[in-house]
C-alpha atoms as a PDB file:
ATOM      1  CA  MET A   1     -15.260  58.710  13.836  1.00  0.00           C
ATOM      2  CA  LYS A   2     -16.639  60.493  10.820  1.00  0.00           C
ATOM      3  CA  ASN A   3     -16.277  58.765   7.479  1.00  0.00           C
ATOM      4  CA  LYS A   4     -14.138  60.076   4.642  1.00  0.00           C
ATOM      5  CA  ALA A   5     -14.513  60.425   0.889  1.00  0.00           C
ATOM      6  CA  LEU A   6     -12.250  61.173  -2.041  1.00  0.00           C
ATOM      7  CA  VAL A   7     -14.198  63.437  -4.400  1.00  0.00           C
ATOM      8  CA  VAL A   8     -12.987  63.643  -8.014  1.00  0.00           C
ATOM      9  CA  ILE A   9     -14.577  66.658  -9.677  1.00  0.00           C
ATOM     10  CA  ASP A  10     -15.282  67.083 -13.404  1.00  0.00           C
ATOM     11  CA  ILE A  11     -12.592  64.861 -14.921  1.00  0.00           C
ATOM     12  CA  GLN A  12     -14.666  64.524 -18.083  1.00  0.00           C
ATOM     13  CA  ASN A  13     -13.854  64.454 -21.788  1.00  0.00           C
ATOM     14  CA  ASP A  14     -14.698  68.144 -22.251  1.00  0.00           C
ATOM     15  CA  ILE A  15     -12.323  69.291 -19.486  1.00  0.00           C
ATOM     16  CA  THR A  16      -9.024  70.979 -20.184  1.00  0.00           C
ATOM     17  CA  LYS A  17      -6.332  68.795 -21.679  1.00  0.00           C
ATOM     18  CA  ASN A  18      -4.286  69.707 -18.587  1.00  0.00           C
ATOM     19  CA  TYR A  19      -5.965  66.832 -16.754  1.00  0.00           C
ATOM     20  CA  LYS A  20      -3.449  64.512 -18.481  1.00  0.00           C
ATOM     21  CA  GLU A  21      -0.759  65.987 -16.195  1.00  0.00           C
ATOM     22  CA  ILE A  22      -2.589  64.887 -13.034  1.00  0.00           C
ATOM     23  CA  ILE A  23      -4.445  61.727 -14.096  1.00  0.00           C
ATOM     24  CA  GLU A  24      -1.685  59.454 -12.787  1.00  0.00           C
ATOM     25  CA  ASN A  25      -1.919  61.137  -9.374  1.00  0.00           C
ATOM     26  CA  ILE A  26      -5.722  60.972  -9.428  1.00  0.00           C
ATOM     27  CA  ASN A  27      -5.545  57.249 -10.162  1.00  0.00           C
ATOM     28  CA  LYS A  28      -3.070  56.800  -7.270  1.00  0.00           C
ATOM     29  CA  ALA A  29      -5.483  58.720  -5.018  1.00  0.00           C
ATOM     30  CA  VAL A  30      -8.339  56.451  -6.131  1.00  0.00           C
ATOM     31  CA  ASP A  31      -6.259  53.342  -5.292  1.00  0.00           C
ATOM     32  CA  TRP A  32      -5.236  54.826  -1.924  1.00  0.00           C
ATOM     33  CA  ALA A  33      -8.833  55.659  -1.025  1.00  0.00           C
ATOM     34  CA  ALA A  34     -10.152  52.249  -2.099  1.00  0.00           C
ATOM     35  CA  ASP A  35      -7.396  50.485  -0.120  1.00  0.00           C
ATOM     36  CA  ASN A  36      -8.199  52.519   3.018  1.00  0.00           C
ATOM     37  CA  ASP A  37     -11.999  52.187   3.129  1.00  0.00           C
ATOM     38  CA  ILE A  38     -12.458  55.777   1.987  1.00  0.00           C
ATOM     39  CA  HIS A  39     -15.499  56.313  -0.233  1.00  0.00           C
ATOM     40  CA  VAL A  40     -14.580  57.214  -3.820  1.00  0.00           C
ATOM     41  CA  VAL A  41     -16.992  59.664  -5.423  1.00  0.00           C
ATOM     42  CA  TYR A  42     -16.991  61.033  -8.957  1.00  0.00           C
ATOM     43  CA  ILE A  43     -18.748  64.292  -9.752  1.00  0.00           C
ATOM     44  CA  LYS A  44     -19.790  65.069 -13.322  1.00  0.00           C
ATOM     45  CA  HIS A  45     -20.788  68.508 -14.514  1.00  0.00           C
ATOM     46  CA  ASN A  46     -23.757  68.911 -16.862  1.00  0.00           C
ATOM     47  CA  ASN A  47     -23.974  72.281 -18.531  1.00  0.00           C
ATOM     48  CA  LEU A  48     -27.604  73.235 -19.086  1.00  0.00           C
ATOM     49  CA  SER A  49     -26.905  76.805 -20.248  1.00  0.00           C
ATOM     50  CA  ALA A  50     -28.090  77.655 -23.734  1.00  0.00           C
ATOM     51  CA  GLY A  51     -25.377  78.584 -26.189  1.00  0.00           C
ATOM     52  CA  THR A  52     -22.613  76.540 -24.572  1.00  0.00           C
ATOM     53  CA  ARG A  53     -21.025  73.540 -26.222  1.00  0.00           C
ATOM     54  CA  THR A  54     -19.252  71.699 -23.396  1.00  0.00           C
ATOM     55  CA  PHE A  55     -20.468  69.253 -20.759  1.00  0.00           C
ATOM     56  CA  LYS A  56     -23.818  68.809 -22.494  1.00  0.00           C
ATOM     57  CA  PRO A  57     -25.864  65.963 -20.942  1.00  0.00           C
ATOM     58  CA  ASP A  58     -25.665  62.616 -22.759  1.00  0.00           C
ATOM     59  CA  THR A  59     -22.679  63.609 -24.909  1.00  0.00           C
ATOM     60  CA  ARG A  60     -19.194  62.100 -25.093  1.00  0.00           C
ATOM     61  CA  GLY A  61     -17.868  65.362 -23.635  1.00  0.00           C
ATOM     62  CA  ALA A  62     -19.859  64.872 -20.442  1.00  0.00           C
ATOM     63  CA  GLU A  63     -18.533  61.338 -19.855  1.00  0.00           C
ATOM     64  CA  LEU A  64     -15.752  60.626 -17.364  1.00  0.00           C
ATOM     65  CA  VAL A  65     -12.371  60.334 -19.086  1.00  0.00           C
ATOM     66  CA  PRO A  66     -11.452  56.785 -20.149  1.00  0.00           C
ATOM     67  CA  ASP A  67      -8.004  56.878 -18.508  1.00  0.00           C
ATOM     68  CA  MET A  68      -9.394  57.433 -14.995  1.00  0.00           C
ATOM     69  CA  LYS A  69      -9.875  54.468 -12.645  1.00  0.00           C
ATOM     70  CA  ILE A  70     -13.525  53.991 -11.749  1.00  0.00           C
ATOM     71  CA  VAL A  71     -13.802  51.899  -8.587  1.00  0.00           C
ATOM     72  CA  SER A  72     -17.330  52.708  -7.411  1.00  0.00           C
ATOM     73  CA  LYS A  73     -20.813  53.442  -8.649  1.00  0.00           C
ATOM     74  CA  ASN A  74     -20.771  56.708  -6.653  1.00  0.00           C
ATOM     75  CA  ILE A  75     -21.111  58.952  -9.699  1.00  0.00           C
ATOM     76  CA  PHE A  76     -23.174  62.074  -9.171  1.00  0.00           C
ATOM     77  CA  THR A  77     -24.152  64.858 -11.547  1.00  0.00           C
ATOM     78  CA  LYS A  78     -24.246  68.565 -10.755  1.00  0.00           C
ATOM     79  CA  THR A  79     -25.361  71.534 -12.832  1.00  0.00           C
ATOM     80  CA  LYS A  80     -23.704  74.233 -10.699  1.00  0.00           C
ATOM     81  CA  GLY A  81     -20.084  74.652  -9.605  1.00  0.00           C
ATOM     82  CA  ASN A  82     -20.527  73.459  -6.026  1.00  0.00           C
ATOM     83  CA  ALA A  83     -20.695  69.644  -5.845  1.00  0.00           C
ATOM     84  CA  LEU A  84     -22.940  69.896  -2.768  1.00  0.00           C
ATOM     85  CA  THR A  85     -25.677  71.328  -5.022  1.00  0.00           C
ATOM     86  CA  SER A  86     -26.101  67.770  -6.347  1.00  0.00           C
ATOM     87  CA  GLU A  87     -28.934  66.557  -4.123  1.00  0.00           C
ATOM     88  CA  ASP A  88     -27.910  62.945  -4.691  1.00  0.00           C
ATOM     89  CA  PHE A  89     -24.311  63.638  -3.638  1.00  0.00           C
ATOM     90  CA  ALA A  90     -25.411  65.647  -0.591  1.00  0.00           C
ATOM     91  CA  ALA A  91     -27.732  62.799   0.424  1.00  0.00           C
ATOM     92  CA  PHE A  92     -24.919  60.241  -0.082  1.00  0.00           C
ATOM     93  CA  ALA A  93     -22.581  62.287   2.135  1.00  0.00           C
ATOM     94  CA  SER A  94     -25.257  62.589   4.818  1.00  0.00           C
ATOM     95  CA  GLU A  95     -26.356  58.921   4.705  1.00  0.00           C
ATOM     96  CA  ASN A  96     -22.734  57.756   4.935  1.00  0.00           C
ATOM     97  CA  GLU A  97     -21.913  60.273   7.689  1.00  0.00           C
ATOM     98  CA  ILE A  98     -19.019  61.711   5.705  1.00  0.00           C
ATOM     99  CA  GLY A  99     -17.351  64.560   7.552  1.00  0.00           C
ATOM    100  CA  GLU A 100     -14.004  64.670   5.812  1.00  0.00           C
ATOM    101  CA  PHE A 101     -13.325  65.116   2.107  1.00  0.00           C
ATOM    102  CA  TYR A 102     -10.220  64.783  -0.081  1.00  0.00           C
ATOM    103  CA  ILE A 103     -10.626  66.845  -3.245  1.00  0.00           C
ATOM    104  CA  ALA A 104      -9.144  66.162  -6.682  1.00  0.00           C
ATOM    105  CA  GLY A 105     -10.198  67.420 -10.104  1.00  0.00           C
ATOM    106  CA  ALA A 106     -10.817  70.454 -12.256  1.00  0.00           C
ATOM    107  CA  ASP A 107     -11.301  73.375 -12.523  1.00  0.00           C
ATOM    108  CA  ALA A 108      -9.277  74.902  -9.652  1.00  0.00           C
ATOM    109  CA  ILE A 109     -10.709  78.382 -10.219  1.00  0.00           C
ATOM    110  CA  ALA A 110     -14.315  77.280 -10.730  1.00  0.00           C
ATOM    111  CA  CYS A 111     -15.943  74.018  -9.568  1.00  0.00           C
ATOM    112  CA  VAL A 112     -13.129  72.888  -7.247  1.00  0.00           C
ATOM    113  CA  LYS A 113     -13.058  76.368  -5.710  1.00  0.00           C
ATOM    114  CA  SER A 114     -16.819  76.511  -5.191  1.00  0.00           C
ATOM    115  CA  THR A 115     -16.972  72.991  -3.766  1.00  0.00           C
ATOM    116  CA  CYS A 116     -14.068  73.518  -1.332  1.00  0.00           C
ATOM    117  CA  TYR A 117     -15.411  76.873  -0.171  1.00  0.00           C
ATOM    118  CA  ASN A 118     -18.914  75.524   0.445  1.00  0.00           C
ATOM    119  CA  MET A 119     -17.747  72.312   2.131  1.00  0.00           C
ATOM    120  CA  ALA A 120     -15.519  74.281   4.514  1.00  0.00           C
ATOM    121  CA  LYS A 121     -18.354  76.741   5.188  1.00  0.00           C
ATOM    122  CA  GLU A 122     -20.619  73.795   6.073  1.00  0.00           C
ATOM    123  CA  GLY A 123     -18.069  72.637   8.655  1.00  0.00           C
ATOM    124  CA  TYR A 124     -16.581  69.671   6.817  1.00  0.00           C
ATOM    125  CA  ILE A 125     -12.858  68.894   7.006  1.00  0.00           C
ATOM    126  CA  VAL A 126     -11.567  69.556   3.488  1.00  0.00           C
ATOM    127  CA  HIS A 127      -8.221  68.333   2.162  1.00  0.00           C
ATOM    128  CA  VAL A 128      -7.199  69.692  -1.240  1.00  0.00           C
ATOM    129  CA  LEU A 129      -4.761  67.349  -2.971  1.00  0.00           C
ATOM    130  CA  SER A 130      -2.572  69.989  -4.604  1.00  0.00           C
ATOM    131  CA  ASP A 131      -1.017  67.616  -7.148  1.00  0.00           C
ATOM    132  CA  CYS A 132      -4.433  66.211  -8.097  1.00  0.00           C
ATOM    133  CA  ILE A 133      -6.063  69.450  -9.280  1.00  0.00           C
ATOM    134  CA  THR A 134      -5.668  71.480 -12.440  1.00  0.00           C
ATOM    135  CA  SER A 135      -7.194  74.430 -14.247  1.00  0.00           C
ATOM    136  CA  TYR A 136      -7.700  75.884 -17.685  1.00  0.00           C
ATOM    137  CA  ASP A 137      -5.231  78.552 -16.550  1.00  0.00           C
ATOM    138  CA  LYS A 138      -2.528  76.652 -14.657  1.00  0.00           C
ATOM    139  CA  ARG A 139      -0.874  79.945 -13.669  1.00  0.00           C
ATOM    140  CA  LYS A 140      -3.760  80.483 -11.216  1.00  0.00           C
ATOM    141  CA  VAL A 141      -3.385  77.177  -9.355  1.00  0.00           C
ATOM    142  CA  ASP A 142      -0.919  78.477  -6.735  1.00  0.00           C
ATOM    143  CA  GLU A 143      -3.189  81.460  -6.045  1.00  0.00           C
ATOM    144  CA  MET A 144      -6.112  79.046  -5.635  1.00  0.00           C
ATOM    145  CA  LEU A 145      -4.156  76.867  -3.191  1.00  0.00           C
ATOM    146  CA  ARG A 146      -3.595  79.949  -1.019  1.00  0.00           C
ATOM    147  CA  TYR A 147      -7.304  80.776  -1.341  1.00  0.00           C
ATOM    148  CA  TYR A 148      -8.320  77.271  -0.198  1.00  0.00           C
ATOM    149  CA  GLU A 149      -6.059  77.577   2.854  1.00  0.00           C
ATOM    150  CA  SER A 150      -7.519  81.005   3.667  1.00  0.00           C
ATOM    151  CA  LYS A 151     -10.974  79.369   3.772  1.00  0.00           C
ATOM    152  CA  GLY A 152      -9.868  76.660   6.206  1.00  0.00           C
ATOM    153  CA  CYS A 153      -8.967  73.856   3.800  1.00  0.00           C
ATOM    154  CA  ILE A 154      -5.878  71.696   4.331  1.00  0.00           C
ATOM    155  CA  VAL A 155      -3.659  71.746   1.227  1.00  0.00           C
ATOM    156  CA  LYS A 156      -1.235  68.846   0.824  1.00  0.00           C
ATOM    157  CA  LYS A 157       0.309  66.716  -1.873  1.00  0.00           C
ATOM    158  CA  LEU A 158      -1.090  63.207  -2.274  1.00  0.00           C
ATOM    159  CA  ASN A 159       2.017  61.513  -0.832  1.00  0.00           C
ATOM    160  CA  GLU A 160       1.661  63.662   2.316  1.00  0.00           C
ATOM    161  CA  VAL A 161      -1.760  62.179   3.090  1.00  0.00           C
ATOM    162  CA  MET A 162      -1.132  58.598   1.960  1.00  0.00           C
END
């Protein structure tokens, strides 16, 4: 059987304040994964673009939020939207034979979208935890959930997979 991982994307201090609405669910997902021998992975975004102010390496804004449960040392950094572009994360997934991912995090129309699309394209089983994702523009979340499904992802609420 292929191994599984919960991947929490970009829940960092510089992310939208909307994360507060899902942090309780993310923490429940982290507990569920840890209790069920599912790898827990945290992805941090580092913004290297000149002229931007958020997610700058080695700043408070780039740190994971203090109200999120951290249960593993599996913290990987990416500089592009797709989490698989982090060579360290891709190597971790390969070494641990992970074939199935549960996705939580932000931003539904950017990094979560790119990660889900690329994971599905690579042939992974991708579960999007619909009550564990948010966006700067929450009005677009439902549209994104339909998009994820159209790309082969399985969209469910956390309590439906627990």
